[in-house]
Amino acid sequence: MMERPPLFRKTFWQTERPRNFCFLIRPTAKEFIEFCQTLDKMMSENINRKFFQGEVPEKQETTREDGKVVITTKGTIALLKEWLLKNWHPKDPVAFESGFLVFKEVRDLRNPQAHKLIDDVFDQKYLAEQRTLLTRVYDVMHALRFILGSHPRVKSQVKDDEGPEKGEIFIY
């Protein structure tokens, strides 16, 4: 409706859910990390760079201590944050920042597995951690949907009382 490519390359609510995106059958460190890896792929890695249409620069320059300039590609989370701040003014900047901390938290939770072996420890705490994380992610995604839904081209076409947009979701 915004006349641009979709923000996410793939949506999962109308298609088959990824294998590891489920409640933990066995609350172990390994299953929790696999869940976090899947969640990160559904969130950060799923953001479509084409959505930004060059409105925010994809590269950034930083100067090292030795004076050399290093050019790096911005991550999708940084692009989304920068694009939102360019096009929308949050009433509560602290809440806005905490929303992006959730994206970064999911990214950090998936990374330990990448560089070391993790003992497959069984602990009920992983069930609570998964539930808390899912609740926080849902709140961020719901807020993001609200922000994008306030776009002038979208406002008139979206009904607040339809489907998952209504905010009714059960997290065990």
Protein backbone atom coordinates (compact mmCIF):
# COMPACT_ATOMS: atom_id res chain seq x y z
CA MET A 1 0.00 0.00 0.00
CA MET A 2 2.97 2.33 0.50
CA GLU A 3 3.97 1.83 -3.14
CA ARG A 4 7.33 0.31 -2.31
CA PRO A 5 8.74 -3.20 -1.99
CA PRO A 6 7.57 -5.03 1.15
CA LEU A 7 9.54 -4.47 4.36
CA PHE A 8 9.95 -8.21 4.89
CA ARG A 9 10.98 -10.47 2.04
CA LYS A 10 8.82 -13.27 3.37
CA THR A 11 5.81 -13.29 5.68
CA PHE A 12 5.26 -16.31 7.85
CA TRP A 13 1.73 -15.91 9.15
CA GLN A 14 0.18 -17.05 5.88
CA THR A 15 2.75 -19.72 5.04
CA GLU A 16 4.18 -22.74 6.75
CA ARG A 17 5.99 -21.87 9.95
CA PRO A 18 9.77 -22.53 10.02
CA ARG A 19 10.70 -25.79 11.72
CA ASN A 20 12.44 -24.30 14.78
CA PHE A 21 9.87 -21.56 15.33
CA CYS A 22 7.77 -23.42 17.88
CA PHE A 23 7.42 -23.91 21.59
CA LEU A 24 10.38 -25.73 23.04
CA ILE A 25 9.62 -29.45 23.23
CA ARG A 26 12.66 -29.94 25.44
CA PRO A 27 13.82 -26.81 27.27
CA THR A 28 17.52 -27.09 26.51
CA ALA A 29 20.16 -24.53 25.66
CA LYS A 30 20.53 -26.00 22.18
CA GLU A 31 16.81 -25.80 21.36
CA PHE A 32 16.57 -22.28 22.75
CA ILE A 33 19.52 -21.10 20.66
CA GLU A 34 18.08 -22.78 17.55
CA PHE A 35 14.78 -21.00 18.24
CA CYS A 36 16.64 -17.67 18.56
CA GLN A 37 18.52 -18.31 15.31
CA THR A 38 15.23 -18.96 13.52
CA LEU A 39 13.62 -15.90 15.07
CA ASP A 40 16.53 -13.72 13.95
CA LYS A 41 16.22 -15.08 10.41
CA MET A 42 12.51 -14.22 10.47
CA MET A 43 13.19 -10.71 11.77
CA SER A 44 16.52 -9.02 11.00
CA GLU A 45 17.72 -11.22 8.17
CA ASN A 46 14.29 -11.07 6.55
CA ILE A 47 14.25 -7.28 6.20
CA ASN A 48 14.18 -6.33 2.53
CA ARG A 49 16.89 -3.76 1.71
CA LYS A 50 14.89 -2.73 -1.39
CA PHE A 51 12.17 -1.35 0.92
CA PHE A 52 14.36 1.65 1.77
CA GLN A 53 14.72 2.63 -1.92
CA GLY A 54 17.97 4.49 -1.34
CA GLU A 55 16.32 6.92 1.10
CA VAL A 56 18.97 6.09 3.69
CA PRO A 57 22.59 5.34 2.82
CA GLU A 58 23.49 1.66 2.93
CA LYS A 59 27.18 2.35 3.57
CA GLN A 60 28.87 4.21 6.37
CA GLU A 61 32.33 5.62 6.69
CA THR A 62 34.32 5.40 9.90
CA THR A 63 37.81 6.65 10.57
CA ARG A 64 40.14 4.28 12.40
CA GLU A 65 42.70 5.43 14.95
CA ASP A 66 45.43 5.26 12.29
CA GLY A 67 43.47 7.73 10.14
CA LYS A 68 42.30 5.28 7.49
CA VAL A 69 38.69 5.50 6.40
CA VAL A 70 36.77 2.22 6.45
CA ILE A 71 33.55 1.83 4.48
CA THR A 72 31.11 -0.75 5.80
CA THR A 73 27.62 -1.85 4.82
CA LYS A 74 24.97 -1.06 7.41
CA GLY A 75 22.95 -3.91 8.81
CA THR A 76 19.24 -4.18 8.19
CA ILE A 77 18.38 -3.22 11.78
CA ALA A 78 20.39 0.00 11.46
CA LEU A 79 18.76 0.77 8.09
CA LEU A 80 15.28 0.26 9.51
CA LYS A 81 15.99 2.44 12.52
CA GLU A 82 17.48 5.22 10.41
CA TRP A 83 14.61 5.08 7.89
CA LEU A 84 12.00 5.22 10.64
CA LEU A 85 13.68 8.18 12.34
CA LYS A 86 13.84 9.98 9.00
CA ASN A 87 10.14 9.43 8.25
CA TRP A 88 8.48 9.22 11.66
CA HIS A 89 8.96 11.03 14.95
CA PRO A 90 8.45 8.85 18.03
CA LYS A 91 6.53 10.35 20.92
CA ASP A 92 8.67 8.35 23.32
CA PRO A 93 12.29 8.08 22.12
CA VAL A 94 13.16 5.77 25.03
CA ALA A 95 10.47 3.25 24.03
CA PHE A 96 11.61 3.52 20.41
CA GLU A 97 15.20 2.71 21.38
CA SER A 98 14.11 -0.19 23.59
CA GLY A 99 12.25 -1.66 20.62
CA PHE A 100 15.48 -1.81 18.66
CA LEU A 101 17.22 -3.35 21.63
CA VAL A 102 14.86 -6.32 21.17
CA PHE A 103 16.14 -6.78 17.60
CA LYS A 104 19.70 -6.66 18.91
CA GLU A 105 18.90 -8.98 21.81
CA VAL A 106 17.59 -11.63 19.40
CA ARG A 107 20.74 -11.20 17.31
CA ASP A 108 22.96 -11.56 20.39
CA LEU A 109 21.07 -14.65 21.62
CA ARG A 110 21.62 -16.46 18.34
CA ASN A 111 25.34 -15.70 18.10
CA PRO A 112 26.89 -17.86 20.89
CA GLN A 113 26.27 -21.01 18.84
CA ALA A 114 28.13 -19.61 15.87
CA HIS A 115 31.59 -19.55 17.43
CA LYS A 116 31.68 -22.21 20.15
CA LEU A 117 30.16 -25.48 21.23
CA ILE A 118 27.30 -25.11 23.69
CA ASP A 119 26.50 -27.85 26.20
CA ASP A 120 22.95 -29.02 25.75
CA VAL A 121 21.85 -28.14 29.27
CA PHE A 122 18.27 -29.00 30.26
CA ASP A 123 16.65 -26.19 32.25
CA GLN A 124 13.03 -25.07 32.66
CA LYS A 125 14.23 -21.44 32.58
CA TYR A 126 14.38 -21.66 28.77
CA LEU A 127 10.58 -21.94 28.60
CA ALA A 128 10.20 -18.68 30.54
CA GLU A 129 12.94 -17.00 28.51
CA GLN A 130 11.26 -18.02 25.25
CA ARG A 131 7.89 -16.72 26.40
CA THR A 132 9.36 -13.39 27.57
CA LEU A 133 11.31 -13.00 24.34
CA LEU A 134 8.28 -13.81 22.17
CA THR A 135 6.15 -11.30 24.08
CA ARG A 136 8.76 -8.56 23.60
CA VAL A 137 9.20 -9.40 19.90
CA TYR A 138 5.45 -9.37 19.38
CA ASP A 139 5.19 -5.94 21.04
CA VAL A 140 7.91 -4.58 18.74
CA MET A 141 6.34 -6.05 15.60
CA HIS A 142 2.93 -4.77 16.61
CA ALA A 143 4.40 -1.29 17.17
CA LEU A 144 6.17 -1.47 13.79
CA ARG A 145 2.90 -2.42 12.13
CA PHE A 146 1.22 0.52 13.87
CA ILE A 147 3.95 2.91 12.67
CA LEU A 148 3.76 1.70 9.07
CA GLY A 149 -0.03 1.72 9.32
CA SER A 150 0.07 5.44 10.08
CA HIS A 151 1.52 6.13 6.62
CA PRO A 152 -0.91 8.38 4.66
CA ARG A 153 -1.37 5.83 1.86
CA VAL A 154 -2.05 3.03 4.32
CA LYS A 155 -4.27 4.72 6.91
CA SER A 156 -7.41 4.80 4.81
CA GLN A 157 -7.10 1.17 3.69
CA VAL A 158 -6.45 -0.67 6.97
CA LYS A 159 -9.17 -1.74 9.36
CA ASP A 160 -8.00 -2.11 12.96
CA ASP A 161 -10.44 -4.87 13.78
CA GLU A 162 -9.21 -7.47 11.29
CA GLY A 163 -6.96 -10.48 11.74
CA PRO A 164 -3.67 -10.57 13.63
CA GLU A 165 -3.48 -6.77 13.40
CA LYS A 166 -6.12 -6.58 16.12
CA GLY A 167 -3.48 -7.63 18.60
CA GLU A 168 -5.14 -10.82 19.76
CA ILE A 169 -2.51 -13.49 19.98
CA PHE A 170 -1.95 -16.30 22.43
CA ILE A 171 1.57 -16.90 23.75
CA TYR A 172 1.09 -19.87 26.06
